[in-house]
Protein backbone atom coordinates (compact mmCIF):
# COMPACT_ATOMS: atom_id res chain seq x y z
CA MET A 1 -2.45 -28.55 -9.84
CA LYS A 2 -5.04 -26.86 -7.62
CA ILE A 3 -4.15 -23.56 -5.94
CA CYS A 4 -5.57 -21.98 -2.79
CA VAL A 5 -5.16 -18.23 -2.32
CA ILE A 6 -5.84 -17.00 1.22
CA GLY A 7 -6.79 -13.33 1.40
CA LEU A 8 -8.84 -11.84 -1.46
CA GLY A 9 -7.96 -8.18 -1.09
CA LYS A 10 -6.33 -5.76 -3.53
CA ILE A 11 -3.41 -8.14 -4.09
CA GLY A 12 -4.84 -11.57 -3.35
CA LEU A 13 -7.76 -11.38 -5.76
CA PRO A 14 -5.64 -10.31 -8.76
CA LEU A 15 -3.19 -13.13 -7.91
CA ALA A 16 -6.04 -15.64 -7.91
CA ALA A 17 -7.24 -14.26 -11.24
CA GLN A 18 -3.72 -14.47 -12.67
CA TYR A 19 -3.35 -18.13 -11.70
CA ALA A 20 -6.79 -18.99 -13.10
CA SER A 21 -5.96 -17.20 -16.35
CA LYS A 22 -3.17 -19.76 -16.82
CA GLY A 23 -5.74 -22.56 -16.73
CA PHE A 24 -5.29 -23.70 -13.13
CA ARG A 25 -8.13 -24.40 -10.73
CA VAL A 26 -8.06 -21.75 -7.98
CA ILE A 27 -9.95 -21.55 -4.70
CA GLY A 28 -9.92 -18.14 -3.06
CA CYS A 29 -10.41 -17.91 0.71
CA ASP A 30 -11.68 -14.91 2.65
CA ILE A 31 -13.40 -14.37 5.99
CA ASN A 32 -15.90 -11.93 4.46
CA PRO A 33 -18.95 -13.83 3.12
CA GLU A 34 -19.97 -10.83 0.98
CA VAL A 35 -16.62 -10.94 -0.82
CA VAL A 36 -16.95 -14.69 -1.34
CA ASP A 37 -20.49 -14.36 -2.68
CA SER A 38 -19.49 -11.57 -5.07
CA ILE A 39 -16.62 -13.58 -6.54
CA ASN A 40 -18.73 -16.70 -6.94
CA ARG A 41 -21.13 -14.58 -9.00
CA GLY A 42 -18.21 -13.54 -11.20
CA ILE A 43 -18.07 -9.99 -9.83
CA SER A 44 -14.91 -8.38 -8.45
CA HIS A 45 -15.30 -6.35 -5.26
CA ILE A 46 -12.02 -4.56 -6.05
CA ARG A 47 -12.47 -1.41 -8.12
CA GLY A 48 -9.97 0.38 -10.31
CA GLU A 49 -7.75 -2.58 -11.24
CA PRO A 50 -7.51 -2.72 -15.06
CA GLY A 51 -8.36 -6.16 -16.45
CA LEU A 52 -9.52 -7.63 -13.14
CA ASP A 53 -13.27 -7.54 -13.77
CA GLU A 54 -12.88 -9.39 -17.06
CA ARG A 55 -10.54 -12.02 -15.63
CA ILE A 56 -12.80 -12.72 -12.67
CA GLY A 57 -15.90 -13.04 -14.83
CA ASP A 58 -14.16 -15.25 -17.39
CA SER A 59 -12.48 -17.50 -14.80
CA VAL A 60 -15.67 -18.07 -12.82
CA LYS A 61 -17.59 -18.80 -16.02
CA LYS A 62 -15.00 -21.42 -17.01
CA GLY A 63 -15.14 -23.02 -13.57
CA LEU A 64 -11.51 -22.18 -12.84
CA LEU A 65 -12.13 -19.79 -9.95
CA SER A 66 -14.36 -20.03 -6.90
CA ALA A 67 -14.31 -18.57 -3.40
CA THR A 68 -15.07 -19.88 0.07
CA THR A 69 -14.94 -19.01 3.76
CA ASP A 70 -13.98 -22.63 4.54
CA THR A 71 -10.20 -22.31 4.43
CA VAL A 72 -9.49 -25.71 6.00
CA LYS A 73 -11.42 -27.50 3.26
CA ALA A 74 -9.80 -25.39 0.54
CA VAL A 75 -6.31 -26.14 1.88
CA ARG A 76 -7.12 -29.85 2.07
CA GLU A 77 -8.16 -29.83 -1.61
CA SER A 78 -5.15 -27.84 -2.85
CA ASP A 79 -1.58 -28.58 -3.87
CA VAL A 80 -0.27 -25.03 -3.45
CA ILE A 81 -1.36 -22.58 -0.75
CA VAL A 82 -0.53 -18.89 -1.25
CA VAL A 83 -0.92 -16.62 1.79
CA ILE A 84 -1.48 -12.89 1.22
CA VAL A 85 -3.12 -11.39 4.31
CA PRO A 86 -2.22 -8.12 6.09
CA LEU A 87 0.56 -7.81 8.64
CA VAL A 88 0.43 -4.37 10.25
CA VAL A 89 2.01 -2.37 13.06
CA ASP A 90 0.62 -0.10 15.77
CA LYS A 91 1.63 3.53 16.39
CA GLU A 92 4.75 2.38 18.24
CA GLY A 93 5.83 0.12 15.38
CA ASN A 94 4.90 -3.12 17.16
CA ILE A 95 3.84 -5.90 14.80
CA ASP A 96 0.34 -7.36 15.03
CA TYR A 97 0.69 -11.05 14.13
CA SER A 98 -2.86 -12.05 15.05
CA THR A 99 -4.21 -12.39 11.49
CA ILE A 100 -1.32 -14.27 9.92
CA ASP A 101 -0.89 -16.52 12.96
CA SER A 102 -4.59 -17.40 12.81
CA VAL A 103 -4.43 -18.07 9.07
CA THR A 104 -1.35 -20.26 9.50
CA GLU A 105 -3.07 -22.21 12.30
CA THR A 106 -6.05 -22.76 9.97
CA ILE A 107 -3.74 -24.00 7.20
CA SER A 108 -2.23 -26.53 9.60
CA LYS A 109 -5.67 -28.08 10.12
CA GLY A 110 -6.05 -28.87 6.42
CA LEU A 111 -2.43 -29.35 5.38
CA LYS A 112 -1.68 -32.55 3.48
CA ARG A 113 1.52 -34.29 2.42
CA ASP A 114 3.49 -32.85 -0.50
CA SER A 115 1.78 -29.45 -0.28
CA LEU A 116 3.67 -26.26 -1.06
CA VAL A 117 2.93 -23.32 1.26
CA ILE A 118 3.97 -19.88 -0.02
CA TYR A 119 3.97 -16.69 2.02
CA GLU A 120 3.65 -13.54 -0.10
CA THR A 121 2.69 -11.45 2.93
CA THR A 122 5.70 -9.29 3.80
CA LEU A 123 7.37 -10.69 6.92
CA PRO A 124 10.33 -9.77 9.15
CA VAL A 125 13.50 -11.67 8.35
CA GLY A 126 13.32 -15.17 9.81
CA ASP A 127 9.57 -15.31 10.41
CA THR A 128 8.81 -17.85 7.67
CA ARG A 129 11.15 -20.36 9.27
CA ASP A 130 11.00 -19.43 12.94
CA ARG A 131 7.37 -18.39 13.37
CA MET A 132 5.26 -19.87 10.56
CA ILE A 133 6.77 -23.35 10.33
CA PRO A 134 6.21 -24.27 14.01
CA ILE A 135 2.54 -23.36 13.57
CA LEU A 136 2.26 -25.31 10.31
CA GLU A 137 3.88 -28.35 11.95
CA ARG A 138 0.97 -28.55 14.39
CA SER A 139 -0.51 -30.54 11.52
CA GLY A 140 1.77 -33.41 12.56
CA LEU A 141 3.70 -33.07 9.31
CA LYS A 142 7.35 -32.06 9.05
CA ALA A 143 8.42 -29.05 6.93
CA GLY A 144 10.99 -29.93 4.30
CA ARG A 145 10.01 -33.60 4.44
CA ASP A 146 6.22 -33.87 4.32
CA PHE A 147 5.45 -30.39 2.96
CA TYR A 148 7.43 -27.49 1.55
CA VAL A 149 7.58 -23.79 2.43
CA VAL A 150 8.62 -20.74 0.44
CA PHE A 151 8.71 -17.01 0.98
CA SER A 152 8.11 -15.01 -2.20
CA PRO A 153 7.42 -11.32 -1.59
CA GLU A 154 4.67 -9.55 -3.48
CA ARG A 155 6.24 -6.83 -5.62
CA VAL A 156 3.15 -5.26 -7.12
CA SER A 157 1.01 -2.14 -6.78
CA SER A 158 -2.70 -1.43 -6.97
CA GLY A 159 -3.80 -0.16 -10.37
CA VAL A 160 -0.96 -1.85 -12.27
CA MET A 161 -1.16 -5.39 -10.84
CA PHE A 162 -1.12 -7.41 -14.04
CA ARG A 163 1.57 -5.27 -15.68
CA TYR A 164 3.82 -5.67 -12.65
CA LEU A 165 3.14 -9.42 -12.58
CA ARG A 166 4.46 -9.53 -16.14
CA GLU A 167 7.40 -7.17 -15.81
CA ILE A 168 8.88 -7.39 -12.30
CA PRO A 169 11.02 -10.46 -11.54
CA LYS A 170 9.61 -12.85 -8.95
CA ILE A 171 11.90 -13.55 -6.00
CA VAL A 172 11.67 -17.04 -4.48
CA GLY A 173 13.45 -18.33 -1.37
CA GLY A 174 12.58 -21.61 0.33
CA ILE A 175 13.42 -23.10 3.71
CA ASP A 176 15.53 -25.67 1.86
CA GLU A 177 16.64 -26.46 -1.69
CA GLU A 178 13.62 -28.63 -2.52
CA SER A 179 11.19 -25.96 -1.31
CA THR A 180 12.97 -23.36 -3.45
CA ARG A 181 12.93 -25.66 -6.48
CA ARG A 182 9.20 -26.27 -6.12
CA GLY A 183 8.51 -22.56 -5.62
CA VAL A 184 10.43 -21.61 -8.74
CA GLU A 185 8.63 -24.29 -10.75
CA PHE A 186 5.25 -23.02 -9.52
CA TYR A 187 5.86 -19.40 -10.41
CA LYS A 188 7.25 -20.27 -13.83
CA ARG A 189 3.93 -21.98 -14.56
CA VAL A 190 1.65 -19.19 -13.32
CA LEU A 191 3.58 -16.01 -14.24
CA ASP A 192 5.17 -14.60 -17.39
CA SER A 193 7.89 -12.70 -15.53
CA GLU A 194 11.44 -13.79 -14.80
CA VAL A 195 11.69 -15.96 -11.68
CA ILE A 196 14.81 -15.50 -9.54
CA SER A 197 15.76 -17.87 -6.74
CA VAL A 198 17.71 -16.73 -3.68
CA THR A 199 19.50 -18.91 -1.17
CA SER A 200 16.88 -18.99 1.59
CA SER A 201 13.53 -17.74 2.82
CA GLU A 202 15.47 -15.25 4.97
CA ALA A 203 17.19 -13.84 1.86
CA ALA A 204 13.81 -13.44 0.16
CA GLU A 205 12.34 -11.71 3.23
CA ALA A 206 15.29 -9.32 3.37
CA THR A 207 15.02 -8.59 -0.35
CA LYS A 208 11.55 -7.13 0.14
CA LEU A 209 12.42 -5.20 3.29
CA PHE A 210 15.61 -3.71 1.86
CA GLY A 211 13.64 -2.41 -1.12
CA MET A 212 10.96 -0.85 1.06
CA VAL A 213 13.44 0.82 3.43
CA TYR A 214 15.38 2.16 0.44
CA ARG A 215 12.20 3.74 -0.91
CA ASP A 216 11.23 5.22 2.46
CA VAL A 217 14.72 6.65 3.03
CA ASN A 218 14.81 8.07 -0.50
CA ILE A 219 11.45 9.81 0.00
CA ALA A 220 12.63 11.14 3.36
CA LEU A 221 15.74 12.56 1.68
CA ALA A 222 13.53 14.23 -0.94
CA ASN A 223 11.41 15.67 1.87
CA GLU A 224 14.52 17.03 3.61
CA PHE A 225 15.54 18.66 0.32
CA ALA A 226 12.01 20.09 0.06
CA ARG A 227 12.22 21.69 3.48
CA PHE A 228 15.59 23.20 2.58
CA CYS A 229 14.24 24.57 -0.71
CA GLN A 230 11.16 25.95 1.04
CA ALA A 231 13.36 27.90 3.44
CA ARG A 232 15.84 29.00 0.76
CA GLY A 233 13.27 30.14 -1.80
CA LEU A 234 14.11 27.43 -4.33
CA ASP A 235 11.96 24.99 -6.30
CA VAL A 236 12.67 21.39 -5.26
CA VAL A 237 10.85 19.97 -8.30
CA GLU A 238 13.11 21.86 -10.68
CA ILE A 239 16.26 20.91 -8.78
CA ILE A 240 15.44 17.20 -8.37
CA GLY A 241 14.59 17.03 -12.08
CA ALA A 242 17.94 18.57 -12.96
CA SER A 243 19.81 16.37 -10.49
CA ASN A 244 18.22 13.20 -11.86
CA THR A 245 19.68 13.86 -15.32
CA ASN A 246 22.82 12.34 -13.80
CA PRO A 247 22.41 8.56 -14.23
CA HIS A 248 23.73 8.03 -10.69
CA SER A 249 21.00 10.20 -9.13
CA HIS A 250 17.57 8.65 -8.45
CA ILE A 251 15.90 11.06 -6.03
CA LEU A 252 12.21 10.33 -5.56
CA THR A 253 9.39 12.85 -5.16
CA PRO A 254 8.74 14.80 -1.94
CA GLY A 255 5.20 15.08 -0.66
CA ILE A 256 2.75 15.51 2.16
CA GLY A 257 3.34 12.01 3.53
CA VAL A 258 3.62 8.29 2.89
CA GLY A 259 0.59 6.02 3.32
CA GLY A 260 -0.75 2.57 2.58
CA HIS A 261 0.13 -0.90 3.82
CA CYS A 262 3.75 -0.92 2.60
CA ALA A 263 6.15 2.01 2.96
CA PRO A 264 4.95 3.24 6.39
CA VAL A 265 4.83 -0.31 7.80
CA TYR A 266 7.55 -2.60 6.49
CA PRO A 267 10.57 -0.54 7.61
CA TYR A 268 9.54 -1.34 11.18
CA PHE A 269 10.00 -5.05 10.42
CA LEU A 270 13.67 -4.50 9.58
CA ILE A 271 14.09 -2.07 12.48
CA LYS A 272 12.80 -4.81 14.79
CA ASN A 273 15.09 -7.41 13.21
CA ALA A 274 18.07 -5.10 13.71
CA SER A 275 17.07 -4.33 17.30
CA ASP A 276 17.03 -8.06 18.07
CA LEU A 277 20.63 -8.12 16.82
CA GLU A 278 21.48 -5.03 18.92
CA ILE A 279 21.89 -2.93 15.76
CA ASP A 280 20.37 0.54 15.54
CA LEU A 281 19.06 1.33 12.04
CA ILE A 282 19.34 5.10 12.44
CA LEU A 283 18.61 5.96 8.81
CA ALA A 284 15.49 3.82 8.68
CA LYS A 285 14.18 5.27 11.95
CA ASN A 286 14.84 8.85 10.89
CA ALA A 287 13.17 8.27 7.53
CA ARG A 288 10.01 7.15 9.32
CA ARG A 289 10.14 10.23 11.56
CA ILE A 290 10.69 12.61 8.64
CA ASN A 291 7.97 11.17 6.44
CA ASP A 292 5.47 10.97 9.28
CA GLY A 293 6.18 14.63 9.98
CA MET A 294 5.21 15.89 6.53
CA PRO A 295 1.45 16.28 7.22
CA GLU A 296 2.28 18.66 10.09
CA HIS A 297 4.72 20.49 7.82
CA ALA A 298 1.91 21.06 5.29
CA VAL A 299 -0.42 22.35 7.98
CA ASN A 300 2.35 24.69 9.17
CA LEU A 301 2.67 26.04 5.62
CA LEU A 302 -1.00 26.90 5.74
CA GLY A 303 -0.67 28.38 9.21
CA LYS A 304 2.07 30.75 8.05
CA GLU A 305 -0.29 32.19 5.44
CA LEU A 306 -3.49 32.35 7.51
CA LYS A 307 -1.68 33.15 10.78
CA ASP A 308 -4.39 31.59 12.96
CA LEU A 309 -6.22 28.42 11.91
CA ASP A 310 -8.76 28.58 14.71
CA GLY A 311 -12.25 28.76 13.18
CA LYS A 312 -10.94 28.63 9.61
CA ASN A 313 -12.74 26.43 7.06
CA VAL A 314 -10.29 24.11 5.31
CA LEU A 315 -11.12 21.74 2.45
CA ILE A 316 -9.05 18.56 2.17
CA LEU A 317 -8.83 17.13 -1.34
CA GLY A 318 -8.36 13.38 -1.09
CA ILE A 319 -8.76 10.92 1.76
CA ALA A 320 -7.04 8.07 -0.13
CA TYR A 321 -3.33 7.58 0.47
CA ARG A 322 -2.59 7.49 -3.28
CA GLY A 323 -4.23 8.80 -6.42
CA GLY A 324 -6.63 6.41 -8.11
CA VAL A 325 -6.62 3.93 -5.22
CA LYS A 326 -9.57 3.58 -2.86
CA GLU A 327 -7.68 2.96 0.36
CA THR A 328 -7.29 5.10 3.50
CA PHE A 329 -4.87 2.92 5.50
CA LEU A 330 -2.33 5.28 7.13
CA SER A 331 -3.30 7.98 4.64
CA PRO A 332 -1.55 11.32 5.26
CA SER A 333 -5.03 12.88 5.12
CA LEU A 334 -5.86 11.39 8.49
CA SER A 335 -2.84 13.07 10.06
CA VAL A 336 -3.54 16.37 8.27
CA ILE A 337 -7.11 16.33 9.58
CA GLU A 338 -5.88 15.63 13.12
CA HIS A 339 -3.41 18.53 13.03
CA LEU A 340 -6.00 20.92 11.61
CA LYS A 341 -8.55 20.00 14.26
CA ASP A 342 -5.92 20.40 16.98
CA ARG A 343 -5.49 23.98 15.79
CA GLY A 344 -9.21 24.65 15.80
CA ALA A 345 -9.94 24.49 12.07
CA ASN A 346 -13.22 23.28 10.60
CA VAL A 347 -12.37 20.44 8.23
CA TYR A 348 -14.25 19.35 5.10
CA VAL A 349 -13.19 16.42 2.91
CA ASN A 350 -13.78 15.47 -0.71
CA ASP A 351 -12.61 12.34 -2.51
CA PRO A 352 -14.06 11.17 -5.85
CA LEU A 353 -13.54 7.51 -4.91
CA PHE A 354 -15.52 7.70 -1.67
CA SER A 355 -19.19 8.35 -1.04
CA LYS A 356 -20.53 10.93 1.38
CA GLU A 357 -21.38 8.14 3.82
CA GLU A 358 -17.91 6.58 3.61
CA ILE A 359 -16.20 9.91 4.29
CA GLU A 360 -18.49 10.76 7.19
CA LYS A 361 -17.73 7.37 8.78
CA LEU A 362 -14.18 8.68 9.22
CA GLY A 363 -15.51 11.41 11.49
CA VAL A 364 -15.21 14.32 9.06
CA GLU A 365 -17.67 16.41 7.09
CA PHE A 366 -18.18 15.64 3.41
CA ALA A 367 -17.70 18.40 0.85
CA ASP A 368 -19.35 18.44 -2.58
CA LEU A 369 -17.14 20.40 -4.97
CA LYS A 370 -20.22 21.54 -6.89
CA ASN A 371 -21.92 22.87 -3.78
CA LEU A 372 -19.28 24.28 -1.46
CA ASN A 373 -19.79 26.41 1.59
CA ALA A 374 -17.52 29.33 2.47
CA LEU A 375 -13.85 28.30 2.67
CA ASP A 376 -10.56 29.84 3.72
CA ALA A 377 -8.10 27.32 2.32
CA VAL A 378 -7.56 24.04 0.47
CA ILE A 379 -4.98 21.32 1.10
CA LEU A 380 -4.52 18.79 -1.69
CA VAL A 381 -3.38 15.49 -0.20
CA THR A 382 -4.18 12.96 -2.94
CA ASP A 383 -3.21 13.35 -6.59
CA HIS A 384 -6.47 12.05 -8.07
CA LYS A 385 -6.73 12.93 -11.76
CA GLU A 386 -10.11 14.50 -11.04
CA TYR A 387 -8.33 17.34 -9.21
CA LYS A 388 -6.13 18.34 -12.13
CA ASN A 389 -8.67 20.90 -13.37
CA LEU A 390 -10.19 22.41 -10.25
CA ASP A 391 -12.77 25.17 -10.61
CA LEU A 392 -10.43 27.85 -9.29
CA LYS A 393 -12.88 30.65 -10.01
CA ASN A 394 -15.46 28.97 -7.78
CA LEU A 395 -12.91 28.35 -5.03
CA ARG A 396 -11.90 32.01 -5.04
CA GLU A 397 -15.54 33.09 -4.91
CA LYS A 398 -16.03 30.81 -1.89
CA GLY A 399 -13.28 32.73 -0.11
CA VAL A 400 -10.23 30.47 -0.64
CA LYS A 401 -7.06 32.47 0.01
CA VAL A 402 -4.46 29.67 0.02
CA ILE A 403 -3.99 26.29 -1.66
CA VAL A 404 -1.36 23.98 -0.19
CA ASP A 405 -0.44 21.45 -2.87
CA GLY A 406 0.78 18.41 -0.96
CA ARG A 407 1.75 16.52 -4.11
CA ASN A 408 3.11 19.38 -6.27
CA PHE A 409 0.35 18.27 -8.61
CA LEU A 410 -1.43 21.52 -9.47
CA GLU A 411 -0.36 24.39 -11.73
CA LYS A 412 0.98 27.24 -9.64
CA GLU A 413 0.51 29.86 -12.37
CA LYS A 414 -3.17 29.08 -12.87
CA ILE A 415 -3.85 29.24 -9.14
CA GLU A 416 -2.05 32.56 -8.68
CA LYS A 417 -3.87 34.07 -11.67
CA HIS A 418 -7.08 33.61 -9.69
CA GLY A 419 -5.64 35.59 -6.78
CA ILE A 420 -5.01 32.51 -4.62
CA ILE A 421 -1.71 31.95 -2.83
CA TYR A 422 0.00 28.71 -3.92
CA ARG A 423 2.25 26.72 -1.58
CA GLY A 424 3.74 23.44 -2.74
CA ILE A 425 6.04 21.06 -0.88
CA GLY A 426 9.52 22.51 -1.31
CA ARG A 427 8.42 25.17 -3.78
CA SER A 428 8.86 28.92 -3.34
């Protein structure tokens, strides 16, 4: 069995490495020639994924893994094609299908009989059958007769990819029984996790979206609790911890915002599906509104302490959307920066995962923690481990009066001992 993985990003490359580690020949496809060249030299371009560097180097050395920009040829040579490319939305929640449509069109040009095509890219309910199959059938082959199609949602996370691939059950739903059977057989051969079949590709698509909307709504509820606690003089961290001692309570953590390719994006897929059915998903919509409003809430917390932000120097700690992950897509930092600039503040940004040049490309000024200019305040957006032991004495000497802890990550007592006002999310 030869496998083609299309999209060699933070998820696709670890998947390719996982399949190769099971002894299968894998061809990875990407439009970036630098990525392809790096992989063919046995070097991962993805940083911070435990075990990935070793798996890539070992698989390339054994001749089990290679990469190419020629997707048509790779598809033609493969028995299984796994698609894991981005599907994103614009500011209004409209889906941009251009990438996945283009990839699917390319697959159709190399598709051969008896192939199995698997979409791991998160899709709206019905898209595998109603949108992808008509494009694939431009090959002249018939889905369910000449080739087989499955939707199997990725259920992983950067930084813990291989652990999640072992521990989290794999959901598989095909366009028909034979497609599902073949999908289950494939995943049982390449993964060590439990493989669970559902009745259709639509059921598999909904499984992923339900999980993501649940998470987004749960975080929004935690953020509503945080706002209440902030106003009432209570500590939301203490109260959520106490509440979650009840086995029926699973409240997640409030924070300065939700970022990345998943939680801020995928709820819109289900919202669109519901709208097509003339159903209004009020909870899902409100969760998006609440979570997208948290960066402004954090800036307002700072504004209450400094009164006027115009001309104030504010240091942002973290441009990444999540600690330990080098990714800025829909990061709350970007919204925080926008709100600060709108109020006339001078913004400086530090992130240990990004170089000075990378940060400045985002249109903000880089800050070196060892060589800071005068500051009025700090907002922590990203819970990087490097920020756990900030030089509070130095920050106070630079003029910092307030630290807004957007992740409730820092120690309030230590900060206040240095004469700095501490404001967490939902903490008095």
